[in-house]
Amino acid sequence: MGHQIDDPTLDRVAQLAQLSVPGQDREAVKTALNDVLTLVNGLQSLDTSGVEPMAHPLSIQQPLRSDQVTESDHSGAIPHFAPSHADHYFLVPRVIE
């Protein structure tokens, strides 16, 4: 069946995931992780020869829009909202000497 989650493995996984598993929850967490491992082991035993890999489980296409400009150019007006600007750049106080 593969590996089982025991106490040292649970401690290591919890450390790697930066999780704290309280004592009263340890058995429930081990059981849940072992159930996941059982499911994965069951999936690994399936014969997938002849099955093509897919990027998405549904055969859908991403709708694309035409690549055209729909907004006007406002870049000339934007710097005027800044306290100080020059040549389309915002001027800010020097913070590093």
Protein backbone atom coordinates (compact mmCIF):
# COMPACT_ATOMS: atom_id res chain seq x y z
CA MET A 1 0.00 0.00 0.00
CA GLY A 2 2.92 2.38 0.40
CA HIS A 3 4.00 4.56 3.25
CA GLN A 4 1.88 5.30 6.28
CA ILE A 5 1.95 8.54 8.24
CA ASP A 6 3.40 7.84 11.68
CA ASP A 7 4.26 10.27 14.50
CA PRO A 8 7.78 11.19 13.26
CA THR A 9 6.46 11.70 9.71
CA LEU A 10 3.61 13.86 10.99
CA ASP A 11 6.10 15.94 13.00
CA ARG A 12 8.30 16.42 9.92
CA VAL A 13 5.37 17.34 7.64
CA ALA A 14 4.04 19.78 10.24
CA GLN A 15 7.48 21.37 10.54
CA LEU A 16 7.85 21.70 6.76
CA ALA A 17 4.36 23.20 6.46
CA GLN A 18 4.97 25.51 9.43
CA LEU A 19 1.91 24.07 11.17
CA SER A 20 1.19 23.22 14.76
CA VAL A 21 -0.76 20.00 15.30
CA PRO A 22 -2.20 19.91 18.83
CA GLY A 23 -2.02 16.61 20.70
CA GLN A 24 -5.77 16.01 20.66
CA ASP A 25 -5.84 16.39 16.83
CA ARG A 26 -2.83 14.23 15.96
CA GLU A 27 -4.75 10.98 15.40
CA ALA A 28 -7.39 12.69 13.26
CA VAL A 29 -4.72 14.40 11.15
CA LYS A 30 -2.78 11.15 10.72
CA THR A 31 -5.98 9.35 9.67
CA ALA A 32 -6.85 12.09 7.16
CA LEU A 33 -3.34 12.09 5.66
CA ASN A 34 -3.33 8.30 5.45
CA ASP A 35 -6.69 8.46 3.64
CA VAL A 36 -5.15 10.87 1.12
CA LEU A 37 -2.18 8.54 0.63
CA THR A 38 -4.55 5.61 0.10
CA LEU A 39 -6.42 7.59 -2.56
CA VAL A 40 -3.18 8.58 -4.31
CA ASN A 41 -1.93 4.99 -4.24
CA GLY A 42 -5.23 3.87 -5.75
CA LEU A 43 -4.88 6.46 -8.52
CA GLN A 44 -1.30 5.37 -9.21
CA SER A 45 -2.44 1.79 -9.76
CA LEU A 46 -4.79 2.80 -12.63
CA ASP A 47 -3.76 1.99 -16.19
CA THR A 48 -3.44 5.33 -17.97
CA SER A 49 -1.74 4.07 -21.12
CA GLY A 50 -3.48 5.55 -24.12
CA VAL A 51 -4.83 8.50 -22.15
CA GLU A 52 -3.54 11.79 -23.48
CA PRO A 53 -2.46 14.44 -20.96
CA MET A 54 -4.75 17.42 -20.79
CA ALA A 55 -4.36 20.96 -19.57
CA HIS A 56 -7.95 21.16 -18.35
CA PRO A 57 -10.54 18.51 -17.47
CA LEU A 58 -13.15 20.19 -19.67
CA SER A 59 -12.78 20.71 -23.39
CA ILE A 60 -13.30 24.45 -23.42
CA GLN A 61 -11.59 27.27 -25.26
CA GLN A 62 -10.49 30.52 -23.71
CA PRO A 63 -12.58 33.26 -25.31
CA LEU A 64 -10.30 35.85 -26.85
CA ARG A 65 -11.12 39.44 -27.64
CA SER A 66 -9.78 41.40 -30.54
CA ASP A 67 -6.59 43.31 -29.79
CA GLN A 68 -7.65 46.88 -30.35
CA VAL A 69 -7.31 50.16 -28.47
CA THR A 70 -10.55 51.07 -26.71
CA GLU A 71 -9.35 53.92 -24.46
CA SER A 72 -7.96 57.31 -25.32
CA ASP A 73 -4.50 58.42 -24.19
CA HIS A 74 -4.73 60.22 -20.81
CA SER A 75 -1.00 60.16 -20.04
CA GLY A 76 -0.63 63.91 -20.61
CA ALA A 77 -3.22 64.78 -17.93
CA ILE A 78 -2.06 62.39 -15.23
CA PRO A 79 1.14 64.21 -14.15
CA HIS A 80 -0.88 67.36 -13.45
CA PHE A 81 -2.43 65.57 -10.46
CA ALA A 82 1.01 65.17 -8.86
CA PRO A 83 2.42 67.86 -6.56
CA SER A 84 5.51 68.11 -8.77
CA HIS A 85 6.26 66.77 -12.26
CA ALA A 86 8.55 67.29 -15.24
CA ASP A 87 8.60 65.63 -18.69
CA HIS A 88 5.86 63.10 -17.86
CA TYR A 89 7.68 62.02 -14.66
CA PHE A 90 6.61 62.45 -11.06
CA LEU A 91 9.20 64.32 -8.99
CA VAL A 92 9.60 63.04 -5.44
CA PRO A 93 11.83 64.18 -2.58
CA ARG A 94 15.20 62.47 -2.32
CA VAL A 95 15.10 59.80 0.38
CA ILE A 96 18.64 58.41 0.08
CA GLU A 97 21.56 60.79 0.41
